[in-house]
C-alpha atoms as a PDB file:
ATOM      1  CA  MET A   1     -10.365 150.000 135.550  1.00  0.00           C
ATOM      2  CA  LYS A   2     -13.685 150.095 137.411  1.00  0.00           C
ATOM      3  CA  LYS A   3     -13.052 146.637 138.903  1.00  0.00           C
ATOM      4  CA  ALA A   4      -9.665 147.751 140.231  1.00  0.00           C
ATOM      5  CA  LEU A   5     -11.210 150.875 141.755  1.00  0.00           C
ATOM      6  CA  VAL A   6     -14.008 148.908 143.431  1.00  0.00           C
ATOM      7  CA  ALA A   7     -11.511 146.316 144.735  1.00  0.00           C
ATOM      8  CA  GLY A   8      -9.275 149.072 146.094  1.00  0.00           C
ATOM      9  CA  LEU A   9     -12.173 150.796 147.846  1.00  0.00           C
ATOM     10  CA  ALA A  10     -13.338 147.478 149.331  1.00  0.00           C
ATOM     11  CA  PHE A  11      -9.826 146.817 150.656  1.00  0.00           C
ATOM     12  CA  VAL A  12      -9.666 150.280 152.216  1.00  0.00           C
ATOM     13  CA  ALA A  13     -13.119 149.859 153.776  1.00  0.00           C
ATOM     14  CA  CYS A  14     -12.170 146.504 155.297  1.00  0.00           C
ATOM     15  CA  SER A  15      -8.915 147.839 156.736  1.00  0.00           C
ATOM     16  CA  VAL A  16     -10.733 150.793 158.305  1.00  0.00           C
ATOM     17  CA  TYR A  17     -12.948 148.528 160.381  1.00  0.00           C
ATOM     18  CA  ALA A  18     -10.472 145.700 160.901  1.00  0.00           C
ATOM     19  CA  ASP A  19      -8.037 147.702 163.028  1.00  0.00           C
ATOM     20  CA  ARG A  20      -9.381 150.827 164.714  1.00  0.00           C
ATOM     21  CA  TYR A  21      -6.869 153.513 165.618  1.00  0.00           C
ATOM     22  CA  ASP A  22      -5.782 152.699 169.187  1.00  0.00           C
ATOM     23  CA  SER A  23      -4.889 156.162 170.443  1.00  0.00           C
ATOM     24  CA  ASP A  24      -6.871 158.975 171.986  1.00  0.00           C
ATOM     25  CA  TYR A  25      -6.092 161.378 169.116  1.00  0.00           C
ATOM     26  CA  GLY A  26      -8.961 162.511 166.991  1.00  0.00           C
ATOM     27  CA  LEU A  27      -7.015 164.796 164.647  1.00  0.00           C
ATOM     28  CA  VAL A  28      -3.468 165.663 163.669  1.00  0.00           C
ATOM     29  CA  PHE A  29      -2.586 169.260 162.723  1.00  0.00           C
ATOM     30  CA  GLU A  30       0.659 170.010 160.888  1.00  0.00           C
ATOM     31  CA  GLY A  31       2.460 173.065 159.600  1.00  0.00           C
ATOM     32  CA  ALA A  32       5.157 172.548 156.967  1.00  0.00           C
ATOM     33  CA  PHE A  33       7.623 174.427 154.771  1.00  0.00           C
ATOM     34  CA  GLN A  34       7.517 173.426 151.114  1.00  0.00           C
ATOM     35  CA  LEU A  35      10.307 173.858 148.586  1.00  0.00           C
ATOM     36  CA  GLY A  36       8.600 173.418 145.233  1.00  0.00           C
ATOM     37  CA  SER A  37       9.893 172.427 141.830  1.00  0.00           C
ATOM     38  CA  TYR A  38       7.981 173.771 138.819  1.00  0.00           C
ATOM     39  CA  THR A  39       8.989 172.659 135.325  1.00  0.00           C
ATOM     40  CA  GLU A  40       7.513 173.795 132.045  1.00  0.00           C
ATOM     41  CA  ASP A  41       8.585 173.135 128.470  1.00  0.00           C
ATOM     42  CA  GLY A  42      11.127 175.698 127.295  1.00  0.00           C
ATOM     43  CA  PHE A  43      11.912 177.088 130.781  1.00  0.00           C
ATOM     44  CA  ASP A  44      14.409 176.381 133.531  1.00  0.00           C
ATOM     45  CA  THR A  45      13.112 174.603 136.633  1.00  0.00           C
ATOM     46  CA  LEU A  46      11.732 177.143 139.104  1.00  0.00           C
ATOM     47  CA  SER A  47      11.656 176.669 142.899  1.00  0.00           C
ATOM     48  CA  PRO A  48       8.923 178.701 144.591  1.00  0.00           C
ATOM     49  CA  SER A  49       8.499 178.121 148.330  1.00  0.00           C
ATOM     50  CA  ALA A  50       5.302 177.839 150.339  1.00  0.00           C
ATOM     51  CA  LEU A  51       3.821 177.181 153.747  1.00  0.00           C
ATOM     52  CA  SER A  52       1.461 174.248 154.084  1.00  0.00           C
ATOM     53  CA  LEU A  53      -1.258 173.614 156.661  1.00  0.00           C
ATOM     54  CA  ARG A  54      -2.559 170.071 157.071  1.00  0.00           C
ATOM     55  CA  LEU A  55      -5.338 168.319 158.881  1.00  0.00           C
ATOM     56  CA  GLU A  56      -5.269 164.542 159.197  1.00  0.00           C
ATOM     57  CA  LYS A  57      -7.853 162.106 160.558  1.00  0.00           C
ATOM     58  CA  PRO A  58      -6.419 158.685 161.508  1.00  0.00           C
ATOM     59  CA  LEU A  59      -8.846 155.870 160.672  1.00  0.00           C
ATOM     60  CA  THR A  60      -6.655 152.936 161.765  1.00  0.00           C
ATOM     61  CA  ASN A  61      -3.042 152.467 162.832  1.00  0.00           C
ATOM     62  CA  PHE A  62      -2.162 152.207 159.152  1.00  0.00           C
ATOM     63  CA  LEU A  63      -4.605 154.430 157.285  1.00  0.00           C
ATOM     64  CA  SER A  64      -5.729 158.059 157.503  1.00  0.00           C
ATOM     65  CA  LEU A  65      -7.317 160.844 155.475  1.00  0.00           C
ATOM     66  CA  ARG A  66      -5.424 164.102 155.002  1.00  0.00           C
ATOM     67  CA  ALA A  67      -6.293 167.546 153.630  1.00  0.00           C
ATOM     68  CA  ASP A  68      -3.539 170.059 152.728  1.00  0.00           C
ATOM     69  CA  TYR A  69      -3.655 173.764 151.911  1.00  0.00           C
ATOM     70  CA  ALA A  70      -0.476 175.554 150.797  1.00  0.00           C
ATOM     71  CA  PHE A  71       0.149 179.190 149.919  1.00  0.00           C
ATOM     72  CA  GLY A  72       3.230 180.781 148.400  1.00  0.00           C
ATOM     73  CA  VAL A  73       5.674 182.772 150.526  1.00  0.00           C
ATOM     74  CA  ASP A  74       8.468 183.315 147.983  1.00  0.00           C
ATOM     75  CA  SER A  75       8.620 183.316 144.200  1.00  0.00           C
ATOM     76  CA  ASP A  76      11.388 182.275 141.810  1.00  0.00           C
ATOM     77  CA  GLU A  77      12.407 183.803 138.509  1.00  0.00           C
ATOM     78  CA  THR A  78      14.057 182.820 135.266  1.00  0.00           C
ATOM     79  CA  GLU A  79      15.030 184.646 132.089  1.00  0.00           C
ATOM     80  CA  ARG A  80      14.111 183.648 128.562  1.00  0.00           C
ATOM     81  CA  SER A  81      14.833 185.674 125.433  1.00  0.00           C
ATOM     82  CA  GLY A  82      15.688 188.719 127.559  1.00  0.00           C
ATOM     83  CA  VAL A  83      12.378 188.625 129.468  1.00  0.00           C
ATOM     84  CA  VAL A  84      12.356 187.894 133.213  1.00  0.00           C
ATOM     85  CA  TYR A  85       9.557 185.566 134.350  1.00  0.00           C
ATOM     86  CA  ASP A  86       8.602 185.500 138.040  1.00  0.00           C
ATOM     87  CA  LEU A  87       6.572 182.474 139.221  1.00  0.00           C
ATOM     88  CA  GLU A  88       4.674 182.278 142.524  1.00  0.00           C
ATOM     89  CA  LEU A  89       2.455 179.559 143.973  1.00  0.00           C
ATOM     90  CA  LYS A  90      -0.818 181.275 144.888  1.00  0.00           C
ATOM     91  CA  LYS A  91      -2.570 178.280 146.450  1.00  0.00           C
ATOM     92  CA  LEU A  92      -2.500 174.516 146.399  1.00  0.00           C
ATOM     93  CA  MET A  93      -5.254 172.281 147.790  1.00  0.00           C
ATOM     94  CA  SER A  94      -4.865 168.522 148.150  1.00  0.00           C
ATOM     95  CA  GLY A  95      -6.737 165.564 149.570  1.00  0.00           C
ATOM     96  CA  PHE A  96      -4.876 162.326 150.309  1.00  0.00           C
ATOM     97  CA  LEU A  97      -5.344 158.803 151.501  1.00  0.00           C
ATOM     98  CA  LYS A  98      -2.281 158.075 153.662  1.00  0.00           C
ATOM     99  CA  GLY A  99      -0.961 154.568 154.261  1.00  0.00           C
ATOM    100  CA  ARG A 100       1.548 154.298 157.121  1.00  0.00           C
ATOM    101  CA  TYR A 101       3.957 151.614 158.316  1.00  0.00           C
ATOM    102  CA  SER A 102       5.796 151.967 161.645  1.00  0.00           C
ATOM    103  CA  THR A 103       9.370 150.703 161.564  1.00  0.00           C
ATOM    104  CA  SER A 104       9.779 151.323 165.331  1.00  0.00           C
ATOM    105  CA  ASP A 105       8.120 153.245 168.169  1.00  0.00           C
ATOM    106  CA  ILE A 106       9.541 156.526 166.879  1.00  0.00           C
ATOM    107  CA  LEU A 107       9.981 156.039 163.114  1.00  0.00           C
ATOM    108  CA  SER A 108       7.414 155.420 160.392  1.00  0.00           C
ATOM    109  CA  VAL A 109       7.207 155.670 156.615  1.00  0.00           C
ATOM    110  CA  TYR A 110       4.122 156.459 154.579  1.00  0.00           C
ATOM    111  CA  VAL A 111       2.729 156.758 151.077  1.00  0.00           C
ATOM    112  CA  LEU A 112       0.194 159.308 149.863  1.00  0.00           C
ATOM    113  CA  LEU A 113      -2.325 158.984 147.053  1.00  0.00           C
ATOM    114  CA  GLY A 114      -4.809 161.705 146.241  1.00  0.00           C
ATOM    115  CA  PHE A 115      -5.810 164.682 144.135  1.00  0.00           C
ATOM    116  CA  SER A 116      -4.436 168.253 143.995  1.00  0.00           C
ATOM    117  CA  LYS A 117      -5.443 171.567 142.441  1.00  0.00           C
ATOM    118  CA  GLY A 118      -2.916 174.391 142.233  1.00  0.00           C
ATOM    119  CA  GLU A 119      -2.940 178.003 141.105  1.00  0.00           C
ATOM    120  CA  PHE A 120       0.192 179.860 139.967  1.00  0.00           C
ATOM    121  CA  SER A 121       0.869 183.479 139.136  1.00  0.00           C
ATOM    122  CA  THR A 122       3.452 184.486 136.531  1.00  0.00           C
ATOM    123  CA  GLU A 123       4.676 188.035 136.000  1.00  0.00           C
ATOM    124  CA  ALA A 124       6.661 189.099 132.924  1.00  0.00           C
ATOM    125  CA  SER A 125       7.324 192.696 131.852  1.00  0.00           C
ATOM    126  CA  GLY A 126       4.618 193.971 134.211  1.00  0.00           C
ATOM    127  CA  ILE A 127       1.953 191.606 132.862  1.00  0.00           C
ATOM    128  CA  VAL A 128       0.486 189.142 135.367  1.00  0.00           C
ATOM    129  CA  ASP A 129      -1.049 185.857 134.279  1.00  0.00           C
ATOM    130  CA  THR A 130      -2.715 183.292 136.540  1.00  0.00           C
ATOM    131  CA  ALA A 131      -3.036 179.628 135.609  1.00  0.00           C
ATOM    132  CA  SER A 132      -4.308 176.566 137.430  1.00  0.00           C
ATOM    133  CA  ASP A 133      -3.833 172.845 137.074  1.00  0.00           C
ATOM    134  CA  SER A 134      -5.151 169.730 138.784  1.00  0.00           C
ATOM    135  CA  SER A 135      -4.173 166.098 138.787  1.00  0.00           C
ATOM    136  CA  MET A 136      -3.828 162.866 140.703  1.00  0.00           C
ATOM    137  CA  SER A 137      -1.046 163.240 143.293  1.00  0.00           C
ATOM    138  CA  TYR A 138       1.268 160.813 145.032  1.00  0.00           C
ATOM    139  CA  GLY A 139       4.073 160.975 147.541  1.00  0.00           C
ATOM    140  CA  LEU A 140       6.382 159.243 149.974  1.00  0.00           C
ATOM    141  CA  GLY A 141       7.469 160.399 153.423  1.00  0.00           C
ATOM    142  CA  GLY A 142       8.825 159.569 156.830  1.00  0.00           C
ATOM    143  CA  THR A 143       7.979 160.613 160.384  1.00  0.00           C
ATOM    144  CA  TYR A 144      10.104 160.884 163.520  1.00  0.00           C
ATOM    145  CA  GLN A 145       7.983 160.834 166.701  1.00  0.00           C
ATOM    146  CA  PHE A 146       9.368 163.124 169.460  1.00  0.00           C
ATOM    147  CA  ASP A 147       6.701 162.006 171.941  1.00  0.00           C
ATOM    148  CA  THR A 148       3.169 160.611 171.761  1.00  0.00           C
ATOM    149  CA  LYS A 149       1.749 163.873 170.373  1.00  0.00           C
ATOM    150  CA  THR A 150       4.557 165.660 168.466  1.00  0.00           C
ATOM    151  CA  ALA A 151       6.328 164.528 165.290  1.00  0.00           C
ATOM    152  CA  LEU A 152       8.639 165.767 162.534  1.00  0.00           C
ATOM    153  CA  SER A 153       7.926 164.722 158.949  1.00  0.00           C
ATOM    154  CA  VAL A 154       9.841 164.914 155.673  1.00  0.00           C
ATOM    155  CA  GLU A 155       8.131 164.024 152.402  1.00  0.00           C
ATOM    156  CA  TYR A 156       8.230 164.290 148.635  1.00  0.00           C
ATOM    157  CA  ILE A 157       4.956 164.825 146.742  1.00  0.00           C
ATOM    158  CA  SER A 158       4.306 164.984 143.001  1.00  0.00           C
ATOM    159  CA  TYR A 159       1.272 167.283 142.962  1.00  0.00           C
ATOM    160  CA  PHE A 160       0.652 167.274 139.230  1.00  0.00           C
ATOM    161  CA  SER A 161       2.423 166.262 136.081  1.00  0.00           C
ATOM    162  CA  GLY A 162       1.066 167.274 132.716  1.00  0.00           C
ATOM    163  CA  ASP A 163       2.209 167.220 129.123  1.00  0.00           C
ATOM    164  CA  SER A 164       3.898 170.621 129.349  1.00  0.00           C
ATOM    165  CA  ALA A 165       4.159 171.469 133.087  1.00  0.00           C
ATOM    166  CA  SER A 166       4.627 169.695 136.408  1.00  0.00           C
ATOM    167  CA  TYR A 167       4.895 170.632 140.066  1.00  0.00           C
ATOM    168  CA  SER A 168       6.329 168.688 142.986  1.00  0.00           C
ATOM    169  CA  GLY A 169       7.575 169.594 146.429  1.00  0.00           C
ATOM    170  CA  VAL A 170       9.769 168.547 149.327  1.00  0.00           C
ATOM    171  CA  ASN A 171       8.006 169.301 152.605  1.00  0.00           C
ATOM    172  CA  VAL A 172       9.385 169.466 156.146  1.00  0.00           C
ATOM    173  CA  GLY A 173       6.734 169.733 158.841  1.00  0.00           C
ATOM    174  CA  LEU A 174       5.977 169.627 162.545  1.00  0.00           C
ATOM    175  CA  SER A 175       2.732 167.988 163.673  1.00  0.00           C
ATOM    176  CA  GLN A 176       0.671 167.955 166.843  1.00  0.00           C
ATOM    177  CA  SER A 177      -1.948 165.321 167.684  1.00  0.00           C
ATOM    178  CA  PHE A 178      -5.145 166.268 169.490  1.00  0.00           C
END
């Protein structure tokens, strides 16, 4: 396992210096809407929604670092044994390594690999409980470039998946390069 990690980090380090990012942009800022999917043993799938703010630093034409912060804007509820449960995403923080491949001047696809930590709030019969989870995260997305600085992205990310609960999201965002 350690050998694979070291080899992966060496590959990333070589690609960073082999092909410097050839644009004038130092950072990319993005705002996105997230439709989440929360599953837990014994409950229906819940779909809380959130807003996500992202900051990305391109390292090469193919590789960048990205930090995400999401906060809930709408909860979802389900009923079990006559009790109504209301679930809301309080916050979600993620860090990703993003690998990108351009299929044309305006279209590109990318993969994400990173780590996420999320906090959820559940209310049932007036009692509020807060729980958090963290895990390795991965995703896949695509970008449509409107011009050299503005783009639309659509992506799917699995933020965490545990033995009893998991959370993923479909995100649609608009980015601006600076």
